[in-house]
Amino acid sequence: MTLTIDPTESGEARPAARLDADFYGFQSKLSAQELDSLRRIREFLELEVRPGADLHWEEARSPRHLVPAFAELGLYGPNIPEVRHFENSAVYRGWLALEIARVDPSTATFMGVHSGLAMNALFVGGSDEQRAEWLPAMSRGELLGAFGLTEPNHGSDTSKGLETTATRRTNADGGDEWVLNGAKRWIGNATFADMVVIWARDTADNQVKGFIVRQPAVGFTATKIERKQSLRAVENADIVLEDVVVPESDRLQRIDSFRDLSVILRLTRADVAWQAIGVGVGAYEAALAYAKTRVQFGKPIASFQLVQQKLSDSLADITASIAMCTRVSEMLDEDVQLDHHSAMAKAFVTRRMREVVARCRELLGGNGIQLDHGVARFFADAEALYTFEGTYDMNTLIVGRAITGIQAFV
């Protein structure tokens, strides 16, 4: 056991507390099986993901060779009863997102698209036949998914402004099919996915509906977006749809409006909040390790008061964020979580994350902008998480609507 001198009047030597990012011990809420699963996943991430994370980020290349291993660890569809490895809580799934993001936010985002958005679109909106066809194979990593909602001209206002259209018609065999036309932007995984869930507005009733677009598809073009400075290892794409034909059997049968779609977004918005905590934790852990080894004026900079203040403030922000997200996840398990609950968490936590990564980059001085020292990647990636799954402004307005009863963004 390590000993430290507690600065009391007696100067008595006392056991040192183990300091980590879970400062208040929130993981005590997890079951033994959940804790064991997190331990195994953490070990894998440290051994297999962290060593290559900087290179993949620098080369803007997705580490797809890890897809089968992620499946073996049970990372795909952990909330979906028919494919999950064991029954678990939403709090566990939050910690899962945190653990992945604290090592590599790009990997966490890949997971959020495939497992969170695409698989949950099928889980929430798919028919029994669609779920049986896709979910088991996606949980095994044999088929990968993407989720196409955002458009070049519509991000925050997709509920009102969505331009991609779906027109129903009868084919030569007498069956029903849909013709999709439009464009999508910032669609993760779209360059290599086996299916892309495309959201389009029905030209007949003006409602938003979801469609499984199997790849490759005639008229479907996905072009990788280059020159990104955040989440570089995520392969985002611009999508163009020109008379893409989708059979009625590939329309998500339980989605009839944007309101149905919002159920999926509510689930993933909470996951992004947990990911944002992970980004802050990753930067904090790297800054703490650096502060203990970087020597200036003849001693480690961790001994300086201002450095300790930066670390303490960062850990406080992380702790407050964990507390909020833990409660939001508990509310999901209790089936009482609403849009404004996850929106408040996403807004609050990403704002705190931004401050944490900025402090940690500042603590490293010039070394904070170089990948080799463990903070720069988190500092850059934080900007993407701050923006997607609802910008800070939009999420605060969702909360404001709940408070006042007045919608301010139409």
Protein backbone atom coordinates (compact mmCIF):
# COMPACT_ATOMS: atom_id res chain seq x y z
CA MET A 1 0.00 0.00 0.00
CA THR A 2 1.30 3.41 -0.97
CA LEU A 3 1.71 5.94 1.81
CA THR A 4 1.46 9.69 1.58
CA ILE A 5 1.78 12.50 4.07
CA ASP A 6 -1.60 13.99 4.86
CA PRO A 7 -1.01 17.73 5.55
CA THR A 8 -2.42 17.66 9.07
CA GLU A 9 -0.89 19.20 12.13
CA SER A 10 0.35 15.83 13.34
CA GLY A 11 1.98 15.00 10.00
CA GLU A 12 0.76 11.41 10.40
CA ALA A 13 1.37 9.10 7.39
CA ARG A 14 -1.91 7.74 6.02
CA PRO A 15 -2.84 5.42 3.15
CA ALA A 16 -3.11 7.24 -0.18
CA ALA A 17 -6.53 7.22 -1.79
CA ARG A 18 -6.63 5.84 -5.31
CA LEU A 19 -7.53 8.77 -7.53
CA ASP A 20 -9.25 8.10 -10.85
CA ALA A 21 -11.89 9.76 -12.98
CA ASP A 22 -14.73 8.07 -11.07
CA PHE A 23 -13.96 10.21 -8.05
CA TYR A 24 -17.28 9.59 -6.28
CA GLY A 25 -17.47 5.89 -7.13
CA PHE A 26 -20.51 5.95 -9.40
CA GLN A 27 -19.51 2.56 -10.84
CA SER A 28 -20.66 1.05 -7.57
CA LYS A 29 -24.15 1.22 -9.09
CA LEU A 30 -23.17 -1.48 -11.59
CA SER A 31 -23.60 -5.22 -11.13
CA ALA A 32 -20.63 -7.57 -10.79
CA GLN A 33 -21.24 -8.84 -14.34
CA GLU A 34 -21.34 -5.32 -15.71
CA LEU A 35 -18.12 -4.39 -13.91
CA ASP A 36 -16.38 -7.51 -15.20
CA SER A 37 -17.51 -6.72 -18.74
CA LEU A 38 -16.18 -3.16 -18.47
CA ARG A 39 -12.86 -4.48 -17.16
CA ARG A 40 -12.43 -6.81 -20.13
CA ILE A 41 -13.40 -4.07 -22.58
CA ARG A 42 -11.02 -1.60 -20.93
CA GLU A 43 -8.16 -4.07 -21.23
CA PHE A 44 -8.91 -4.66 -24.90
CA LEU A 45 -9.11 -0.93 -25.63
CA GLU A 46 -5.74 -0.32 -23.97
CA LEU A 47 -4.03 -3.21 -25.77
CA GLU A 48 -5.62 -3.09 -29.21
CA VAL A 49 -7.15 0.36 -29.80
CA ARG A 50 -4.99 2.93 -28.04
CA PRO A 51 -1.67 1.97 -29.71
CA GLY A 52 -3.00 2.75 -33.19
CA ALA A 53 -5.44 5.54 -32.38
CA ASP A 54 -3.11 8.45 -33.16
CA LEU A 55 -1.99 6.95 -36.47
CA HIS A 56 -5.55 6.18 -37.60
CA TRP A 57 -6.53 9.74 -36.65
CA GLU A 58 -3.57 11.24 -38.49
CA GLU A 59 -4.22 9.14 -41.62
CA ALA A 60 -8.01 9.71 -41.45
CA ARG A 61 -8.53 5.96 -41.60
CA SER A 62 -11.16 3.90 -39.77
CA PRO A 63 -9.73 0.87 -37.88
CA ARG A 64 -12.17 -1.57 -39.47
CA HIS A 65 -9.94 -4.56 -38.74
CA LEU A 66 -11.23 -4.36 -35.15
CA VAL A 67 -14.89 -4.88 -36.13
CA PRO A 68 -14.96 -8.65 -35.36
CA ALA A 69 -13.28 -8.18 -31.99
CA PHE A 70 -15.79 -5.50 -31.00
CA ALA A 71 -18.54 -8.00 -31.80
CA GLU A 72 -16.95 -10.66 -29.58
CA LEU A 73 -16.88 -8.16 -26.72
CA GLY A 74 -20.62 -7.54 -27.10
CA LEU A 75 -20.31 -3.90 -28.12
CA TYR A 76 -22.98 -3.98 -30.84
CA GLY A 77 -26.58 -3.62 -29.70
CA PRO A 78 -26.05 -4.00 -25.94
CA ASN A 79 -29.57 -2.60 -25.31
CA ILE A 80 -31.34 -4.93 -27.77
CA PRO A 81 -32.73 -8.03 -26.03
CA GLU A 82 -32.47 -10.43 -28.96
CA VAL A 83 -28.75 -9.78 -29.62
CA ARG A 84 -27.14 -8.50 -26.40
CA HIS A 85 -24.66 -10.74 -24.60
CA PHE A 86 -26.31 -10.29 -21.20
CA GLU A 87 -29.06 -8.25 -19.59
CA ASN A 88 -27.68 -4.89 -18.56
CA SER A 89 -28.64 -1.40 -17.43
CA ALA A 90 -28.61 1.91 -19.27
CA VAL A 91 -26.02 3.10 -16.73
CA TYR A 92 -23.73 0.26 -17.81
CA ARG A 93 -24.22 1.20 -21.44
CA GLY A 94 -23.30 4.78 -20.57
CA TRP A 95 -20.07 3.67 -18.96
CA LEU A 96 -19.42 1.53 -22.02
CA ALA A 97 -19.64 4.62 -24.25
CA LEU A 98 -17.41 6.53 -21.82
CA GLU A 99 -14.75 3.81 -21.75
CA ILE A 100 -14.50 3.66 -25.54
CA ALA A 101 -14.38 7.45 -25.93
CA ARG A 102 -11.69 7.88 -23.27
CA VAL A 103 -9.39 5.84 -25.52
CA ASP A 104 -10.60 6.85 -28.98
CA PRO A 105 -13.54 9.17 -29.68
CA SER A 106 -13.50 8.13 -33.36
CA THR A 107 -14.07 4.50 -32.41
CA ALA A 108 -16.84 5.58 -30.04
CA THR A 109 -18.47 7.50 -32.88
CA PHE A 110 -18.24 4.53 -35.26
CA MET A 111 -19.94 2.50 -32.54
CA GLY A 112 -22.56 5.18 -32.01
CA VAL A 113 -23.47 5.14 -35.71
CA HIS A 114 -23.52 1.38 -36.26
CA SER A 115 -24.78 0.15 -32.89
CA GLY A 116 -26.56 3.25 -31.64
CA LEU A 117 -28.26 4.82 -34.65
CA ALA A 118 -28.49 2.12 -37.32
CA MET A 119 -29.29 -0.82 -35.05
CA ASN A 120 -31.67 1.21 -32.90
CA ALA A 121 -33.46 2.41 -36.03
CA LEU A 122 -34.20 -1.25 -36.76
CA PHE A 123 -34.93 -2.06 -33.13
CA VAL A 124 -37.38 0.82 -32.71
CA GLY A 125 -38.78 1.12 -36.22
CA GLY A 126 -38.28 -2.20 -37.93
CA SER A 127 -40.81 -4.98 -38.42
CA ASP A 128 -40.20 -8.38 -36.86
CA GLU A 129 -38.94 -9.59 -40.24
CA GLN A 130 -36.55 -6.66 -40.66
CA ARG A 131 -35.19 -7.08 -37.16
CA ALA A 132 -34.63 -10.79 -37.68
CA GLU A 133 -32.86 -10.20 -40.98
CA TRP A 134 -30.50 -7.46 -39.89
CA LEU A 135 -29.92 -7.28 -36.14
CA PRO A 136 -28.20 -10.64 -35.50
CA ALA A 137 -25.77 -10.14 -38.38
CA MET A 138 -25.10 -6.54 -37.31
CA SER A 139 -24.46 -7.64 -33.72
CA ARG A 140 -21.84 -10.07 -35.03
CA GLY A 141 -20.19 -7.36 -37.11
CA GLU A 142 -20.94 -9.26 -40.32
CA LEU A 143 -23.02 -6.36 -41.65
CA LEU A 144 -22.37 -2.71 -40.86
CA GLY A 145 -24.85 0.13 -40.79
CA ALA A 146 -25.07 3.89 -41.28
CA PHE A 147 -27.76 6.48 -40.59
CA GLY A 148 -28.58 9.22 -43.08
CA LEU A 149 -30.56 12.11 -41.60
CA THR A 150 -28.51 15.33 -41.83
CA GLU A 151 -28.55 17.14 -45.17
CA PRO A 152 -26.31 19.79 -46.77
CA ASN A 153 -28.91 22.49 -46.06
CA HIS A 154 -30.56 21.02 -42.97
CA GLY A 155 -29.07 20.02 -39.64
CA SER A 156 -30.87 21.55 -36.70
CA ASP A 157 -34.10 21.99 -38.68
CA THR A 158 -34.40 18.52 -40.22
CA SER A 159 -37.79 17.98 -38.60
CA LYS A 160 -39.23 20.86 -40.66
CA GLY A 161 -36.83 21.30 -43.56
CA LEU A 162 -35.91 17.77 -44.67
CA GLU A 163 -35.65 17.90 -48.48
CA THR A 164 -34.90 14.29 -49.43
CA THR A 165 -38.08 12.84 -50.91
CA ALA A 166 -39.68 9.41 -51.09
CA THR A 167 -42.33 8.77 -53.73
CA ARG A 168 -44.40 5.62 -53.61
CA ARG A 169 -45.25 3.82 -56.84
CA THR A 170 -46.28 0.43 -58.18
CA ASN A 171 -43.58 -1.59 -59.95
CA ALA A 172 -43.92 -3.80 -63.03
CA ASP A 173 -44.73 -6.83 -60.88
CA GLY A 174 -47.60 -5.04 -59.14
CA GLY A 175 -45.72 -4.51 -55.88
CA ASP A 176 -45.16 -1.27 -54.00
CA GLU A 177 -41.78 0.47 -54.05
CA TRP A 178 -40.31 3.87 -53.23
CA VAL A 179 -38.09 6.22 -55.23
CA LEU A 180 -35.66 8.31 -53.14
CA ASN A 181 -34.10 11.57 -54.31
CA GLY A 182 -31.98 14.02 -52.38
CA ALA A 183 -28.68 14.47 -50.56
CA LYS A 184 -27.21 13.75 -47.14
CA ARG A 185 -24.10 15.10 -45.42
CA TRP A 186 -21.80 14.08 -42.55
CA ILE A 187 -23.00 10.48 -42.66
CA GLY A 188 -20.58 8.29 -40.71
CA ASN A 189 -19.72 4.79 -42.01
CA ALA A 190 -21.54 5.46 -45.30
CA THR A 191 -18.53 4.72 -47.49
CA PHE A 192 -18.32 1.10 -46.34
CA ALA A 193 -21.69 0.25 -44.74
CA ASP A 194 -23.77 -2.69 -45.95
CA MET A 195 -26.95 -0.72 -45.33
CA VAL A 196 -27.79 2.94 -44.80
CA VAL A 197 -30.99 4.02 -43.09
CA ILE A 198 -32.14 6.98 -45.16
CA TRP A 199 -34.74 9.40 -43.83
CA ALA A 200 -36.95 11.02 -46.46
CA ARG A 201 -40.17 12.98 -46.69
CA ASP A 202 -43.15 11.14 -48.21
CA THR A 203 -44.38 13.24 -51.12
CA ALA A 204 -47.94 12.04 -50.46
CA ASP A 205 -48.48 12.83 -46.77
CA ASN A 206 -45.38 15.03 -46.10
CA GLN A 207 -44.32 12.79 -43.17
CA VAL A 208 -40.73 11.66 -42.57
CA LYS A 209 -40.16 7.93 -43.08
CA GLY A 210 -37.15 5.62 -42.82
CA PHE A 211 -35.80 3.33 -45.55
CA ILE A 212 -33.19 0.56 -45.53
CA VAL A 213 -30.97 1.21 -48.54
CA ARG A 214 -28.94 -1.92 -49.21
CA GLN A 215 -25.46 -1.43 -50.60
CA PRO A 216 -24.51 -1.14 -53.35
CA ALA A 217 -27.61 0.59 -54.71
CA VAL A 218 -28.14 2.04 -58.18
CA GLY A 219 -28.27 5.83 -57.94
CA PHE A 220 -26.64 5.92 -54.49
CA THR A 221 -23.25 7.65 -54.26
CA ALA A 222 -21.24 8.14 -51.05
CA THR A 223 -18.14 10.35 -51.19
CA LYS A 224 -15.78 10.57 -48.23
CA ILE A 225 -15.47 14.05 -46.72
CA GLU A 226 -11.81 15.06 -46.60
CA ARG A 227 -9.78 17.67 -44.70
CA LYS A 228 -11.59 17.26 -41.38
CA GLN A 229 -9.89 18.41 -38.19
CA SER A 230 -12.08 16.46 -35.78
CA LEU A 231 -12.90 12.74 -35.50
CA ARG A 232 -10.59 12.16 -38.43
CA ALA A 233 -10.75 8.36 -38.13
CA VAL A 234 -14.52 8.50 -38.71
CA GLU A 235 -15.29 8.15 -42.42
CA ASN A 236 -18.06 10.71 -42.91
CA ALA A 237 -19.60 11.00 -46.35
CA ASP A 238 -21.65 13.18 -48.63
CA ILE A 239 -24.47 11.09 -50.11
CA VAL A 240 -26.35 11.74 -53.33
CA LEU A 241 -29.56 9.80 -54.07
CA GLU A 242 -30.77 9.84 -57.66
CA ASP A 243 -33.89 7.77 -58.25
CA VAL A 244 -32.82 5.12 -55.72
CA VAL A 245 -35.47 2.38 -55.71
CA VAL A 246 -36.37 0.77 -52.38
CA PRO A 247 -39.03 -1.94 -52.05
CA GLU A 248 -41.85 -1.41 -49.57
CA SER A 249 -40.46 -4.35 -47.59
CA ASP A 250 -37.38 -2.20 -46.83
CA ARG A 251 -39.34 0.73 -45.43
CA LEU A 252 -39.13 0.84 -41.64
CA GLN A 253 -42.62 -0.36 -40.90
CA ARG A 254 -43.04 1.20 -37.45
CA ILE A 255 -41.93 4.72 -38.41
CA ASP A 256 -44.66 7.05 -39.65
CA SER A 257 -43.40 10.50 -38.68
CA PHE A 258 -40.51 12.53 -37.31
CA ARG A 259 -41.99 12.00 -33.86
CA ASP A 260 -41.25 8.27 -34.19
CA LEU A 261 -37.72 9.07 -35.36
CA SER A 262 -37.17 11.29 -32.30
CA VAL A 263 -37.39 8.23 -30.05
CA ILE A 264 -34.18 6.94 -31.66
CA LEU A 265 -32.47 10.33 -31.35
CA ARG A 266 -33.39 10.55 -27.67
CA LEU A 267 -31.59 7.26 -26.99
CA THR A 268 -28.45 8.24 -28.87
CA ARG A 269 -28.32 11.79 -27.50
CA ALA A 270 -27.79 10.38 -24.02
CA ASP A 271 -25.06 8.09 -25.38
CA VAL A 272 -23.25 11.08 -26.90
CA ALA A 273 -23.33 12.79 -23.50
CA TRP A 274 -21.56 9.76 -22.02
CA GLN A 275 -19.08 9.80 -24.90
CA ALA A 276 -18.36 13.46 -24.17
CA ILE A 277 -17.47 12.54 -20.59
CA GLY A 278 -15.08 9.95 -22.02
CA VAL A 279 -13.39 12.60 -24.16
CA GLY A 280 -12.88 14.72 -21.06
CA VAL A 281 -11.59 11.75 -19.09
CA GLY A 282 -9.12 10.85 -21.84
CA ALA A 283 -7.70 14.37 -21.86
CA TYR A 284 -7.67 14.55 -18.04
CA GLU A 285 -5.82 11.24 -17.65
CA ALA A 286 -3.20 12.27 -20.21
CA ALA A 287 -2.73 15.67 -18.56
CA LEU A 288 -2.43 14.12 -15.10
CA ALA A 289 0.22 11.65 -16.28
CA TYR A 290 2.12 14.46 -18.03
CA ALA A 291 1.98 16.71 -14.97
CA LYS A 292 3.56 14.01 -12.82
CA THR A 293 6.51 13.49 -15.17
CA ARG A 294 7.11 16.91 -16.74
CA VAL A 295 9.84 18.67 -14.74
CA GLN A 296 10.17 22.47 -14.68
CA PHE A 297 12.06 24.60 -12.16
CA GLY A 298 13.54 21.39 -10.80
CA LYS A 299 10.31 19.58 -9.89
CA PRO A 300 7.25 17.98 -11.52
CA ILE A 301 4.71 20.56 -12.62
CA ALA A 302 2.07 18.56 -10.72
CA SER A 303 3.51 20.16 -7.57
CA PHE A 304 2.48 23.66 -8.69
CA GLN A 305 -0.73 25.11 -7.31
CA LEU A 306 -2.14 26.36 -10.63
CA VAL A 307 -1.60 22.97 -12.25
CA GLN A 308 -3.39 21.26 -9.38
CA GLN A 309 -6.24 23.75 -9.75
CA LYS A 310 -6.63 22.87 -13.45
CA LEU A 311 -6.70 19.18 -12.63
CA SER A 312 -9.12 19.65 -9.74
CA ASP A 313 -11.49 21.80 -11.80
CA SER A 314 -11.40 19.26 -14.62
CA LEU A 315 -12.17 16.36 -12.32
CA ALA A 316 -15.05 18.33 -10.79
CA ASP A 317 -16.54 18.92 -14.24
CA ILE A 318 -16.17 15.22 -15.06
CA THR A 319 -17.76 14.20 -11.76
CA ALA A 320 -20.74 16.52 -12.20
CA SER A 321 -21.21 15.19 -15.73
CA ILE A 322 -21.15 11.58 -14.56
CA ALA A 323 -23.75 12.40 -11.93
CA MET A 324 -26.10 13.97 -14.46
CA CYS A 325 -25.68 11.20 -17.03
CA THR A 326 -26.13 8.49 -14.41
CA ARG A 327 -29.52 9.92 -13.51
CA VAL A 328 -30.54 10.33 -17.16
CA SER A 329 -29.65 6.67 -17.79
CA GLU A 330 -31.58 5.58 -14.70
CA MET A 331 -34.58 7.48 -16.05
CA LEU A 332 -34.23 5.56 -19.31
CA ASP A 333 -34.40 2.26 -17.39
CA GLU A 334 -37.39 3.61 -15.50
CA ASP A 335 -39.04 4.56 -18.82
CA VAL A 336 -39.49 8.18 -17.72
CA GLN A 337 -36.74 9.83 -19.77
CA LEU A 338 -38.04 12.51 -22.16
CA ASP A 339 -36.41 14.55 -24.92
CA HIS A 340 -35.61 17.49 -22.65
CA HIS A 341 -33.86 15.25 -20.11
CA SER A 342 -31.35 13.88 -22.64
CA ALA A 343 -31.08 17.30 -24.28
CA MET A 344 -30.05 18.96 -21.00
CA ALA A 345 -27.45 16.25 -20.39
CA LYS A 346 -26.00 16.54 -23.88
CA ALA A 347 -25.78 20.34 -23.66
CA PHE A 348 -24.35 20.48 -20.13
CA VAL A 349 -21.85 17.68 -20.52
CA THR A 350 -20.45 18.80 -23.86
CA ARG A 351 -19.97 22.33 -22.50
CA ARG A 352 -18.08 20.90 -19.52
CA MET A 353 -16.09 18.63 -21.85
CA ARG A 354 -14.98 21.62 -23.90
CA GLU A 355 -13.64 23.34 -20.79
CA VAL A 356 -11.88 20.20 -19.58
CA VAL A 357 -10.00 19.56 -22.82
CA ALA A 358 -9.04 23.24 -23.07
CA ARG A 359 -7.56 23.21 -19.55
CA CYS A 360 -5.71 19.98 -20.25
CA ARG A 361 -4.26 21.28 -23.51
CA GLU A 362 -3.19 24.46 -21.72
CA LEU A 363 -1.54 22.42 -18.97
CA LEU A 364 0.73 20.75 -21.55
CA GLY A 365 1.84 24.05 -23.05
CA GLY A 366 3.27 23.67 -26.54
CA ASN A 367 3.25 19.89 -26.23
CA GLY A 368 -0.54 20.05 -25.98
CA ILE A 369 -0.90 20.47 -29.74
CA GLN A 370 1.16 17.38 -30.63
CA LEU A 371 -0.47 13.95 -30.93
CA ASP A 372 2.41 12.25 -29.10
CA HIS A 373 1.40 13.66 -25.73
CA GLY A 374 -2.15 12.32 -25.57
CA VAL A 375 -4.29 15.47 -25.36
CA ALA A 376 -4.36 17.00 -28.86
CA ARG A 377 -6.63 14.33 -30.35
CA PHE A 378 -9.21 14.75 -27.57
CA PHE A 379 -8.97 18.54 -27.84
CA ALA A 380 -9.79 18.39 -31.57
CA ASP A 381 -12.42 15.65 -31.33
CA ALA A 382 -14.34 17.51 -28.64
CA GLU A 383 -15.56 20.02 -31.23
CA ALA A 384 -17.44 17.38 -33.20
CA LEU A 385 -19.18 15.96 -30.13
CA TYR A 386 -20.13 19.48 -29.08
CA THR A 387 -21.97 19.83 -32.41
CA PHE A 388 -23.59 16.55 -33.43
CA GLU A 389 -26.74 14.96 -31.98
CA GLY A 390 -28.06 18.47 -31.54
CA THR A 391 -25.94 21.60 -31.16
CA TYR A 392 -25.59 23.20 -27.73
CA ASP A 393 -28.02 25.94 -28.74
CA MET A 394 -30.69 23.55 -30.00
CA ASN A 395 -30.51 21.32 -26.94
CA THR A 396 -30.85 24.29 -24.62
CA LEU A 397 -33.92 25.39 -26.59
CA ILE A 398 -35.45 21.92 -26.18
CA VAL A 399 -34.99 22.37 -22.44
CA GLY A 400 -36.33 25.92 -22.68
CA ARG A 401 -39.48 24.63 -24.37
CA ALA A 402 -40.00 22.20 -21.49
CA ILE A 403 -39.53 24.99 -18.95
CA THR A 404 -41.73 27.64 -20.55
CA GLY A 405 -44.11 25.70 -22.76
CA ILE A 406 -43.05 27.94 -25.67
CA GLN A 407 -41.09 26.65 -28.68
CA ALA A 408 -38.45 29.21 -29.67
CA PHE A 409 -36.94 27.58 -32.77
CA VAL A 410 -39.65 27.77 -35.43
